[in-house]
Amino acid sequence: MDILQYLKSIDKLHGGNALDVGTGIGQTAKQLALIGFNVDAVDNKPQNLEGENLNFIEKDIQDLEIKNNHYDLIFARNILPFLPS
Protein backbone atom coordinates (compact mmCIF):
# COMPACT_ATOMS: atom_id res chain seq x y z
CA MET A 1 0.00 0.00 0.00
CA ASP A 2 1.47 3.36 -0.95
CA ILE A 3 1.16 6.43 1.26
CA LEU A 4 -1.73 7.90 -0.72
CA GLN A 5 -3.81 4.73 -0.38
CA TYR A 6 -2.98 4.57 3.32
CA LEU A 7 -3.98 8.17 3.97
CA LYS A 8 -7.21 7.77 2.00
CA SER A 9 -8.04 4.75 4.19
CA ILE A 10 -7.99 6.85 7.37
CA ASP A 11 -11.56 8.06 7.67
CA LYS A 12 -10.78 11.07 9.85
CA LEU A 13 -8.35 12.60 7.34
CA HIS A 14 -10.26 14.79 4.94
CA GLY A 15 -7.86 17.59 4.24
CA GLY A 16 -6.62 20.35 6.47
CA ASN A 17 -3.07 21.60 6.89
CA ALA A 18 -0.17 19.22 6.41
CA LEU A 19 3.58 19.56 6.86
CA ASP A 20 5.94 17.33 4.88
CA VAL A 21 9.32 17.55 6.59
CA GLY A 22 12.30 16.63 4.40
CA THR A 23 10.13 16.58 1.29
CA GLY A 24 12.93 15.80 -1.17
CA ILE A 25 11.37 15.64 -4.63
CA GLY A 26 7.94 16.24 -3.10
CA GLN A 27 6.26 12.95 -3.92
CA THR A 28 4.39 12.73 -0.61
CA ALA A 29 3.60 16.45 -0.56
CA LYS A 30 2.00 16.19 -3.99
CA GLN A 31 -0.05 13.18 -2.91
CA LEU A 32 -1.24 14.98 0.21
CA ALA A 33 -2.28 17.97 -1.90
CA LEU A 34 -4.18 15.66 -4.26
CA ILE A 35 -6.36 14.38 -1.42
CA GLY A 36 -7.21 17.87 -0.23
CA PHE A 37 -4.50 18.99 2.17
CA ASN A 38 -2.90 22.43 2.10
CA VAL A 39 0.73 21.33 2.24
CA ASP A 40 3.88 23.06 3.44
CA ALA A 41 6.75 21.01 2.00
CA VAL A 42 10.08 21.67 3.73
CA ASP A 43 13.57 20.75 2.55
CA ASN A 44 16.97 22.40 2.77
CA LYS A 45 17.66 21.89 -0.92
CA PRO A 46 15.85 23.98 -3.51
CA GLN A 47 13.05 22.13 -5.26
CA ASN A 48 10.83 23.10 -8.12
CA LEU A 49 7.58 22.05 -6.48
CA GLU A 50 4.46 23.60 -7.85
CA GLY A 51 0.84 22.73 -7.53
CA GLU A 52 -2.46 23.72 -6.08
CA ASN A 53 -2.42 23.69 -2.27
CA LEU A 54 1.36 23.16 -2.25
CA ASN A 55 3.85 25.56 -0.68
CA PHE A 56 7.59 24.78 -0.78
CA ILE A 57 9.73 26.17 2.05
CA GLU A 58 13.50 26.02 1.66
CA LYS A 59 14.76 25.62 5.22
CA ASP A 60 16.85 23.31 7.34
CA ILE A 61 14.45 21.28 9.47
CA GLN A 62 16.49 22.07 12.58
CA ASP A 63 15.54 25.73 12.08
CA LEU A 64 11.88 24.98 11.47
CA GLU A 65 9.41 26.56 13.87
CA ILE A 66 6.05 24.82 14.00
CA LYS A 67 3.06 26.76 15.29
CA ASN A 68 0.93 24.99 17.89
CA ASN A 69 -2.24 23.48 16.46
CA HIS A 70 -1.51 24.68 12.91
CA TYR A 71 -1.02 21.29 11.25
CA ASP A 72 -3.51 18.45 11.17
CA LEU A 73 -0.87 16.07 9.83
CA ILE A 74 2.94 16.14 10.06
CA PHE A 75 4.76 13.72 7.80
CA ALA A 76 8.48 13.08 8.31
CA ARG A 77 9.90 10.07 6.50
CA ASN A 78 13.57 9.30 5.93
CA ILE A 79 14.95 12.36 7.72
CA LEU A 80 16.96 10.73 10.52
CA PRO A 81 19.99 9.84 8.35
CA PHE A 82 20.32 13.52 7.45
CA LEU A 83 20.29 14.89 10.99
CA PRO A 84 23.59 15.49 12.76
CA SER A 85 24.32 13.08 15.57
PDB file of N, CA and C in Angstrom:
ATOM      1  N   MET A   1       0.847  -1.174   0.000  1.00  0.00           N
ATOM      2  CA  MET A   1       0.000   0.000   0.000  1.00  0.00           C
ATOM      3  C   MET A   1       0.893   1.239   0.000  1.00  0.00           C
ATOM      4  N   ASP A   2       0.672   2.136  -0.950  1.00  0.00           N
ATOM      5  CA  ASP A   2       1.467   3.356  -0.953  1.00  0.00           C
ATOM      6  C   ASP A   2       0.860   4.367   0.020  1.00  0.00           C
ATOM      7  N   ILE A   3       1.574   5.464   0.242  1.00  0.00           N
ATOM      8  CA  ILE A   3       1.158   6.433   1.259  1.00  0.00           C
ATOM      9  C   ILE A   3      -0.193   7.054   0.934  1.00  0.00           C
ATOM     10  N   LEU A   4      -0.463   7.303  -0.340  1.00  0.00           N
ATOM     11  CA  LEU A   4      -1.732   7.899  -0.724  1.00  0.00           C
ATOM     12  C   LEU A   4      -2.893   6.968  -0.392  1.00  0.00           C
ATOM     13  N   GLN A   5      -2.761   5.701  -0.712  1.00  0.00           N
ATOM     14  CA  GLN A   5      -3.806   4.731  -0.382  1.00  0.00           C
ATOM     15  C   GLN A   5      -3.997   4.639   1.129  1.00  0.00           C
ATOM     16  N   TYR A   6      -2.895   4.639   1.861  1.00  0.00           N
ATOM     17  CA  TYR A   6      -2.976   4.567   3.317  1.00  0.00           C
ATOM     18  C   TYR A   6      -3.719   5.773   3.885  1.00  0.00           C
ATOM     19  N   LEU A   7      -3.346   6.967   3.444  1.00  0.00           N
ATOM     20  CA  LEU A   7      -3.980   8.172   3.966  1.00  0.00           C
ATOM     21  C   LEU A   7      -5.459   8.231   3.602  1.00  0.00           C
ATOM     22  N   LYS A   8      -5.796   7.797   2.405  1.00  0.00           N
ATOM     23  CA  LYS A   8      -7.209   7.766   2.003  1.00  0.00           C
ATOM     24  C   LYS A   8      -8.005   6.785   2.868  1.00  0.00           C
ATOM     25  N   SER A   9      -7.340   5.762   3.387  1.00  0.00           N
ATOM     26  CA  SER A   9      -8.036   4.751   4.189  1.00  0.00           C
ATOM     27  C   SER A   9      -8.341   5.225   5.606  1.00  0.00           C
ATOM     28  N   ILE A  10      -7.738   6.315   6.026  1.00  0.00           N
ATOM     29  CA  ILE A  10      -7.990   6.847   7.366  1.00  0.00           C
ATOM     30  C   ILE A  10      -9.191   7.782   7.285  1.00  0.00           C
ATOM     31  N   ASP A  11     -10.301   7.339   7.815  1.00  0.00           N
ATOM     32  CA  ASP A  11     -11.560   8.059   7.672  1.00  0.00           C
ATOM     33  C   ASP A  11     -11.527   9.489   8.196  1.00  0.00           C
ATOM     34  N   LYS A  12     -10.768   9.747   9.230  1.00  0.00           N
ATOM     35  CA  LYS A  12     -10.785  11.071   9.850  1.00  0.00           C
ATOM     36  C   LYS A  12      -9.946  12.094   9.089  1.00  0.00           C
ATOM     37  N   LEU A  13      -9.175  11.668   8.106  1.00  0.00           N
ATOM     38  CA  LEU A  13      -8.347  12.600   7.339  1.00  0.00           C
ATOM     39  C   LEU A  13      -9.082  13.035   6.080  1.00  0.00           C
ATOM     40  N   HIS A  14      -9.555  14.260   6.106  1.00  0.00           N
ATOM     41  CA  HIS A  14     -10.259  14.795   4.944  1.00  0.00           C
ATOM     42  C   HIS A  14      -9.714  16.171   4.615  1.00  0.00           C
ATOM     43  N   GLY A  15      -8.450  16.296   4.529  1.00  0.00           N
ATOM     44  CA  GLY A  15      -7.856  17.594   4.238  1.00  0.00           C
ATOM     45  C   GLY A  15      -7.450  18.308   5.506  1.00  0.00           C
ATOM     46  N   GLY A  16      -7.130  19.560   5.359  1.00  0.00           N
ATOM     47  CA  GLY A  16      -6.620  20.355   6.466  1.00  0.00           C
ATOM     48  C   GLY A  16      -5.228  20.827   6.105  1.00  0.00           C
ATOM     49  N   ASN A  17      -4.435  21.140   7.096  1.00  0.00           N
ATOM     50  CA  ASN A  17      -3.071  21.600   6.887  1.00  0.00           C
ATOM     51  C   ASN A  17      -2.091  20.467   7.169  1.00  0.00           C
ATOM     52  N   ALA A  18      -1.167  20.272   6.247  1.00  0.00           N
ATOM     53  CA  ALA A  18      -0.169  19.218   6.408  1.00  0.00           C
ATOM     54  C   ALA A  18       1.228  19.793   6.242  1.00  0.00           C
ATOM     55  N   LEU A  19       2.174  19.202   6.957  1.00  0.00           N
ATOM     56  CA  LEU A  19       3.581  19.563   6.859  1.00  0.00           C
ATOM     57  C   LEU A  19       4.345  18.312   6.433  1.00  0.00           C
ATOM     58  N   ASP A  20       5.083  18.419   5.342  1.00  0.00           N
ATOM     59  CA  ASP A  20       5.937  17.325   4.875  1.00  0.00           C
ATOM     60  C   ASP A  20       7.379  17.745   5.127  1.00  0.00           C
ATOM     61  N   VAL A  21       7.975  17.175   6.162  1.00  0.00           N
ATOM     62  CA  VAL A  21       9.324  17.546   6.589  1.00  0.00           C
ATOM     63  C   VAL A  21      10.342  16.702   5.830  1.00  0.00           C
ATOM     64  N   GLY A  22      11.315  17.346   5.201  1.00  0.00           N
ATOM     65  CA  GLY A  22      12.296  16.632   4.395  1.00  0.00           C
ATOM     66  C   GLY A  22      11.642  16.105   3.126  1.00  0.00           C
ATOM     67  N   THR A  23      10.966  16.971   2.428  1.00  0.00           N
ATOM     68  CA  THR A  23      10.132  16.575   1.294  1.00  0.00           C
ATOM     69  C   THR A  23      10.894  15.980   0.118  1.00  0.00           C
ATOM     70  N   GLY A  24      12.175  16.332  -0.022  1.00  0.00           N
ATOM     71  CA  GLY A  24      12.932  15.801  -1.169  1.00  0.00           C
ATOM     72  C   GLY A  24      12.314  16.242  -2.472  1.00  0.00           C
ATOM     73  N   ILE A  25      11.956  15.291  -3.327  1.00  0.00           N
ATOM     74  CA  ILE A  25      11.366  15.644  -4.628  1.00  0.00           C
ATOM     75  C   ILE A  25       9.874  15.948  -4.518  1.00  0.00           C
ATOM     76  N   GLY A  26       9.317  15.819  -3.331  1.00  0.00           N
ATOM     77  CA  GLY A  26       7.943  16.238  -3.098  1.00  0.00           C
ATOM     78  C   GLY A  26       6.874  15.222  -3.421  1.00  0.00           C
ATOM     79  N   GLN A  27       7.236  13.970  -3.555  1.00  0.00           N
ATOM     80  CA  GLN A  27       6.262  12.951  -3.924  1.00  0.00           C
ATOM     81  C   GLN A  27       5.110  12.879  -2.915  1.00  0.00           C
ATOM     82  N   THR A  28       5.430  12.811  -1.638  1.00  0.00           N
ATOM     83  CA  THR A  28       4.387  12.727  -0.611  1.00  0.00           C
ATOM     84  C   THR A  28       3.602  14.028  -0.527  1.00  0.00           C
ATOM     85  N   ALA A  29       4.284  15.156  -0.612  1.00  0.00           N
ATOM     86  CA  ALA A  29       3.602  16.453  -0.559  1.00  0.00           C
ATOM     87  C   ALA A  29       2.575  16.564  -1.676  1.00  0.00           C
ATOM     88  N   LYS A  30       2.938  16.139  -2.857  1.00  0.00           N
ATOM     89  CA  LYS A  30       2.004  16.188  -3.992  1.00  0.00           C
ATOM     90  C   LYS A  30       0.815  15.272  -3.760  1.00  0.00           C
ATOM     91  N   GLN A  31       1.049  14.102  -3.192  1.00  0.00           N
ATOM     92  CA  GLN A  31      -0.045  13.176  -2.911  1.00  0.00           C
ATOM     93  C   GLN A  31      -0.983  13.747  -1.847  1.00  0.00           C
ATOM     94  N   LEU A  32      -0.413  14.365  -0.823  1.00  0.00           N
ATOM     95  CA  LEU A  32      -1.243  14.976   0.210  1.00  0.00           C
ATOM     96  C   LEU A  32      -2.102  16.094  -0.373  1.00  0.00           C
ATOM     97  N   ALA A  33      -1.525  16.896  -1.253  1.00  0.00           N
ATOM     98  CA  ALA A  33      -2.284  17.973  -1.896  1.00  0.00           C
ATOM     99  C   ALA A  33      -3.409  17.397  -2.751  1.00  0.00           C
ATOM    100  N   LEU A  34      -3.163  16.279  -3.409  1.00  0.00           N
ATOM    101  CA  LEU A  34      -4.182  15.657  -4.256  1.00  0.00           C
ATOM    102  C   LEU A  34      -5.410  15.190  -3.471  1.00  0.00           C
ATOM    103  N   ILE A  35      -5.209  14.839  -2.205  1.00  0.00           N
ATOM    104  CA  ILE A  35      -6.357  14.376  -1.422  1.00  0.00           C
ATOM    105  C   ILE A  35      -6.934  15.500  -0.550  1.00  0.00           C
ATOM    106  N   GLY A  36      -6.543  16.736  -0.843  1.00  0.00           N
ATOM    107  CA  GLY A  36      -7.212  17.870  -0.228  1.00  0.00           C
ATOM    108  C   GLY A  36      -6.486  18.622   0.859  1.00  0.00           C
ATOM    109  N   PHE A  37      -5.253  18.267   1.152  1.00  0.00           N
ATOM    110  CA  PHE A  37      -4.503  18.995   2.171  1.00  0.00           C
ATOM    111  C   PHE A  37      -3.864  20.250   1.579  1.00  0.00           C
ATOM    112  N   ASN A  38      -3.750  21.281   2.402  1.00  0.00           N
ATOM    113  CA  ASN A  38      -2.904  22.431   2.099  1.00  0.00           C
ATOM    114  C   ASN A  38      -1.543  22.063   2.687  1.00  0.00           C
ATOM    115  N   VAL A  39      -0.535  21.933   1.829  1.00  0.00           N
ATOM    116  CA  VAL A  39       0.732  21.325   2.242  1.00  0.00           C
ATOM    117  C   VAL A  39       1.866  22.339   2.250  1.00  0.00           C
ATOM    118  N   ASP A  40       2.583  22.392   3.367  1.00  0.00           N
ATOM    119  CA  ASP A  40       3.878  23.056   3.439  1.00  0.00           C
ATOM    120  C   ASP A  40       4.919  21.953   3.319  1.00  0.00           C
ATOM    121  N   ALA A  41       5.724  22.014   2.269  1.00  0.00           N
ATOM    122  CA  ALA A  41       6.749  21.006   1.999  1.00  0.00           C
ATOM    123  C   ALA A  41       8.111  21.636   2.289  1.00  0.00           C
ATOM    124  N   VAL A  42       8.830  21.072   3.264  1.00  0.00           N
ATOM    125  CA  VAL A  42      10.080  21.673   3.732  1.00  0.00           C
ATOM    126  C   VAL A  42      11.272  20.794   3.378  1.00  0.00           C
ATOM    127  N   ASP A  43      12.299  21.436   2.824  1.00  0.00           N
ATOM    128  CA  ASP A  43      13.566  20.752   2.551  1.00  0.00           C
ATOM    129  C   ASP A  43      14.644  21.816   2.492  1.00  0.00           C
ATOM    130  N   ASN A  44      15.875  21.424   2.799  1.00  0.00           N
ATOM    131  CA  ASN A  44      16.966  22.401   2.773  1.00  0.00           C
ATOM    132  C   ASN A  44      17.603  22.550   1.395  1.00  0.00           C
ATOM    133  N   LYS A  45      17.152  21.767   0.449  1.00  0.00           N
ATOM    134  CA  LYS A  45      17.656  21.891  -0.921  1.00  0.00           C
ATOM    135  C   LYS A  45      16.550  22.436  -1.800  1.00  0.00           C
ATOM    136  N   PRO A  46      16.883  23.376  -2.670  1.00  0.00           N
ATOM    137  CA  PRO A  46      15.852  23.977  -3.512  1.00  0.00           C
ATOM    138  C   PRO A  46      15.160  22.930  -4.387  1.00  0.00           C
ATOM    139  N   GLN A  47      13.853  23.025  -4.434  1.00  0.00           N
ATOM    140  CA  GLN A  47      13.053  22.126  -5.264  1.00  0.00           C
ATOM    141  C   GLN A  47      12.149  22.977  -6.148  1.00  0.00           C
ATOM    142  N   ASN A  48      11.761  22.420  -7.236  1.00  0.00           N
ATOM    143  CA  ASN A  48      10.826  23.103  -8.118  1.00  0.00           C
ATOM    144  C   ASN A  48       9.458  22.458  -7.950  1.00  0.00           C
ATOM    145  N   LEU A  49       8.878  22.635  -6.782  1.00  0.00           N
ATOM    146  CA  LEU A  49       7.580  22.048  -6.485  1.00  0.00           C
ATOM    147  C   LEU A  49       6.498  23.080  -6.738  1.00  0.00           C
ATOM    148  N   GLU A  50       5.575  22.720  -7.571  1.00  0.00           N
ATOM    149  CA  GLU A  50       4.456  23.598  -7.845  1.00  0.00           C
ATOM    150  C   GLU A  50       3.185  22.774  -7.851  1.00  0.00           C
ATOM    151  N   GLY A  51       2.128  23.392  -7.483  1.00  0.00           N
ATOM    152  CA  GLY A  51       0.842  22.730  -7.526  1.00  0.00           C
ATOM    153  C   GLY A  51      -0.148  23.432  -6.635  1.00  0.00           C
ATOM    154  N   GLU A  52      -1.405  23.147  -6.887  1.00  0.00           N
ATOM    155  CA  GLU A  52      -2.459  23.723  -6.081  1.00  0.00           C
ATOM    156  C   GLU A  52      -2.342  23.181  -4.664  1.00  0.00           C
ATOM    157  N   ASN A  53      -2.480  24.047  -3.696  1.00  0.00           N
ATOM    158  CA  ASN A  53      -2.416  23.693  -2.272  1.00  0.00           C
ATOM    159  C   ASN A  53      -1.032  23.211  -1.832  1.00  0.00           C
ATOM    160  N   LEU A  54       0.002  23.614  -2.546  1.00  0.00           N
ATOM    161  CA  LEU A  54       1.357  23.156  -2.246  1.00  0.00           C
ATOM    162  C   LEU A  54       2.285  24.355  -2.112  1.00  0.00           C
ATOM    163  N   ASN A  55       2.948  24.457  -0.969  1.00  0.00           N
ATOM    164  CA  ASN A  55       3.855  25.561  -0.679  1.00  0.00           C
ATOM    165  C   ASN A  55       5.213  24.986  -0.296  1.00  0.00           C
ATOM    166  N   PHE A  56       6.258  25.270  -1.106  1.00  0.00           N
ATOM    167  CA  PHE A  56       7.594  24.779  -0.780  1.00  0.00           C
ATOM    168  C   PHE A  56       8.321  25.798   0.077  1.00  0.00           C
ATOM    169  N   ILE A  57       8.944  25.323   1.152  1.00  0.00           N
ATOM    170  CA  ILE A  57       9.733  26.165   2.052  1.00  0.00           C
ATOM    171  C   ILE A  57      11.146  25.617   2.076  1.00  0.00           C
ATOM    172  N   GLU A  58      12.099  26.434   1.620  1.00  0.00           N
ATOM    173  CA  GLU A  58      13.503  26.021   1.659  1.00  0.00           C
ATOM    174  C   GLU A  58      14.073  26.396   3.019  1.00  0.00           C
ATOM    175  N   LYS A  59      14.288  25.373   3.856  1.00  0.00           N
ATOM    176  CA  LYS A  59      14.761  25.618   5.219  1.00  0.00           C
ATOM    177  C   LYS A  59      15.315  24.323   5.788  1.00  0.00           C
ATOM    178  N   ASP A  60      16.339  24.451   6.605  1.00  0.00           N
ATOM    179  CA  ASP A  60      16.853  23.306   7.341  1.00  0.00           C
ATOM    180  C   ASP A  60      15.824  22.943   8.409  1.00  0.00           C
ATOM    181  N   ILE A  61      15.506  21.673   8.528  1.00  0.00           N
ATOM    182  CA  ILE A  61      14.446  21.282   9.466  1.00  0.00           C
ATOM    183  C   ILE A  61      14.807  21.587  10.920  1.00  0.00           C
ATOM    184  N   GLN A  62      16.092  21.713  11.223  1.00  0.00           N
ATOM    185  CA  GLN A  62      16.492  22.067  12.583  1.00  0.00           C
ATOM    186  C   GLN A  62      16.136  23.509  12.913  1.00  0.00           C
ATOM    187  N   ASP A  63      15.921  24.325  11.880  1.00  0.00           N
ATOM    188  CA  ASP A  63      15.543  25.725  12.081  1.00  0.00           C
ATOM    189  C   ASP A  63      14.045  25.950  11.915  1.00  0.00           C
ATOM    190  N   LEU A  64      13.311  24.891  11.731  1.00  0.00           N
ATOM    191  CA  LEU A  64      11.883  24.985  11.474  1.00  0.00           C
ATOM    192  C   LEU A  64      11.116  25.253  12.765  1.00  0.00           C
ATOM    193  N   GLU A  65      10.279  26.264  12.733  1.00  0.00           N
ATOM    194  CA  GLU A  65       9.408  26.564  13.866  1.00  0.00           C
ATOM    195  C   GLU A  65       7.994  26.159  13.479  1.00  0.00           C
ATOM    196  N   ILE A  66       7.393  25.314  14.293  1.00  0.00           N
ATOM    197  CA  ILE A  66       6.055  24.816  14.002  1.00  0.00           C
ATOM    198  C   ILE A  66       5.075  25.448  14.992  1.00  0.00           C
ATOM    199  N   LYS A  67       4.076  26.120  14.443  1.00  0.00           N
ATOM    200  CA  LYS A  67       3.062  26.756  15.286  1.00  0.00           C
ATOM    201  C   LYS A  67       2.176  25.691  15.930  1.00  0.00           C
ATOM    202  N   ASN A  68       1.839  25.904  17.191  1.00  0.00           N
ATOM    203  CA  ASN A  68       0.928  24.990  17.888  1.00  0.00           C
ATOM    204  C   ASN A  68      -0.415  24.931  17.176  1.00  0.00           C
ATOM    205  N   ASN A  69      -0.914  23.725  17.013  1.00  0.00           N
ATOM    206  CA  ASN A  69      -2.240  23.477  16.460  1.00  0.00           C
ATOM    207  C   ASN A  69      -2.435  23.987  15.033  1.00  0.00           C
ATOM    208  N   HIS A  70      -1.367  24.216  14.288  1.00  0.00           N
ATOM    209  CA  HIS A  70      -1.511  24.678  12.907  1.00  0.00           C
ATOM    210  C   HIS A  70      -1.695  23.512  11.937  1.00  0.00           C
ATOM    211  N   TYR A  71      -0.975  22.423  12.175  1.00  0.00           N
ATOM    212  CA  TYR A  71      -1.016  21.293  11.248  1.00  0.00           C
ATOM    213  C   TYR A  71      -1.900  20.164  11.775  1.00  0.00           C
ATOM    214  N   ASP A  72      -2.688  19.609  10.850  1.00  0.00           N
ATOM    215  CA  ASP A  72      -3.507  18.451  11.171  1.00  0.00           C
ATOM    216  C   ASP A  72      -2.726  17.160  10.961  1.00  0.00           C
ATOM    217  N   LEU A  73      -1.695  17.236  10.141  1.00  0.00           N
ATOM    218  CA  LEU A  73      -0.865  16.069   9.831  1.00  0.00           C
ATOM    219  C   LEU A  73       0.570  16.534   9.618  1.00  0.00           C
ATOM    220  N   ILE A  74       1.510  15.881  10.290  1.00  0.00           N
ATOM    221  CA  ILE A  74       2.940  16.139  10.058  1.00  0.00           C
ATOM    222  C   ILE A  74       3.553  14.833   9.594  1.00  0.00           C
ATOM    223  N   PHE A  75       4.173  14.898   8.424  1.00  0.00           N
ATOM    224  CA  PHE A  75       4.756  13.715   7.805  1.00  0.00           C
ATOM    225  C   PHE A  75       6.265  13.907   7.724  1.00  0.00           C
ATOM    226  N   ALA A  76       7.021  12.995   8.328  1.00  0.00           N
ATOM    227  CA  ALA A  76       8.483  13.077   8.312  1.00  0.00           C
ATOM    228  C   ALA A  76       9.029  11.679   8.079  1.00  0.00           C
ATOM    229  N   ARG A  77       9.397  11.403   6.859  1.00  0.00           N
ATOM    230  CA  ARG A  77       9.904  10.073   6.504  1.00  0.00           C
ATOM    231  C   ARG A  77      11.322  10.219   5.975  1.00  0.00           C
ATOM    232  N   ASN A  78      12.187   9.347   6.417  1.00  0.00           N
ATOM    233  CA  ASN A  78      13.574   9.296   5.930  1.00  0.00           C
ATOM    234  C   ASN A  78      14.379  10.552   6.232  1.00  0.00           C
ATOM    235  N   ILE A  79      14.148  11.180   7.390  1.00  0.00           N
ATOM    236  CA  ILE A  79      14.950  12.361   7.717  1.00  0.00           C
ATOM    237  C   ILE A  79      16.059  12.063   8.714  1.00  0.00           C
ATOM    238  N   LEU A  80      15.950  11.007   9.485  1.00  0.00           N
ATOM    239  CA  LEU A  80      16.955  10.727  10.515  1.00  0.00           C
ATOM    240  C   LEU A  80      18.374  10.604   9.989  1.00  0.00           C
ATOM    241  N   PRO A  81      18.601   9.942   8.839  1.00  0.00           N
ATOM    242  CA  PRO A  81      19.990   9.836   8.354  1.00  0.00           C
ATOM    243  C   PRO A  81      20.617  11.193   8.013  1.00  0.00           C
ATOM    244  N   PHE A  82      19.806  12.221   7.850  1.00  0.00           N
ATOM    245  CA  PHE A  82      20.323  13.520   7.446  1.00  0.00           C
ATOM    246  C   PHE A  82      20.506  14.482   8.616  1.00  0.00           C
ATOM    247  N   LEU A  83      20.118  14.050   9.812  1.00  0.00           N
ATOM    248  CA  LEU A  83      20.291  14.891  10.988  1.00  0.00           C
ATOM    249  C   LEU A  83      21.659  14.648  11.612  1.00  0.00           C
ATOM    250  N   PRO A  84      22.292  15.708  12.117  1.00  0.00           N
ATOM    251  CA  PRO A  84      23.589  15.493  12.763  1.00  0.00           C
ATOM    252  C   PRO A  84      23.412  14.698  14.047  1.00  0.00           C
ATOM    253  N   SER A  85      24.424  13.904  14.361  1.00  0.00           N
ATOM    254  CA  SER A  85      24.322  13.085  15.573  1.00  0.00           C
ATOM    255  C   SER A  85      24.745  13.835  16.806  1.00  0.00           C
TER     256      SER A  85
END
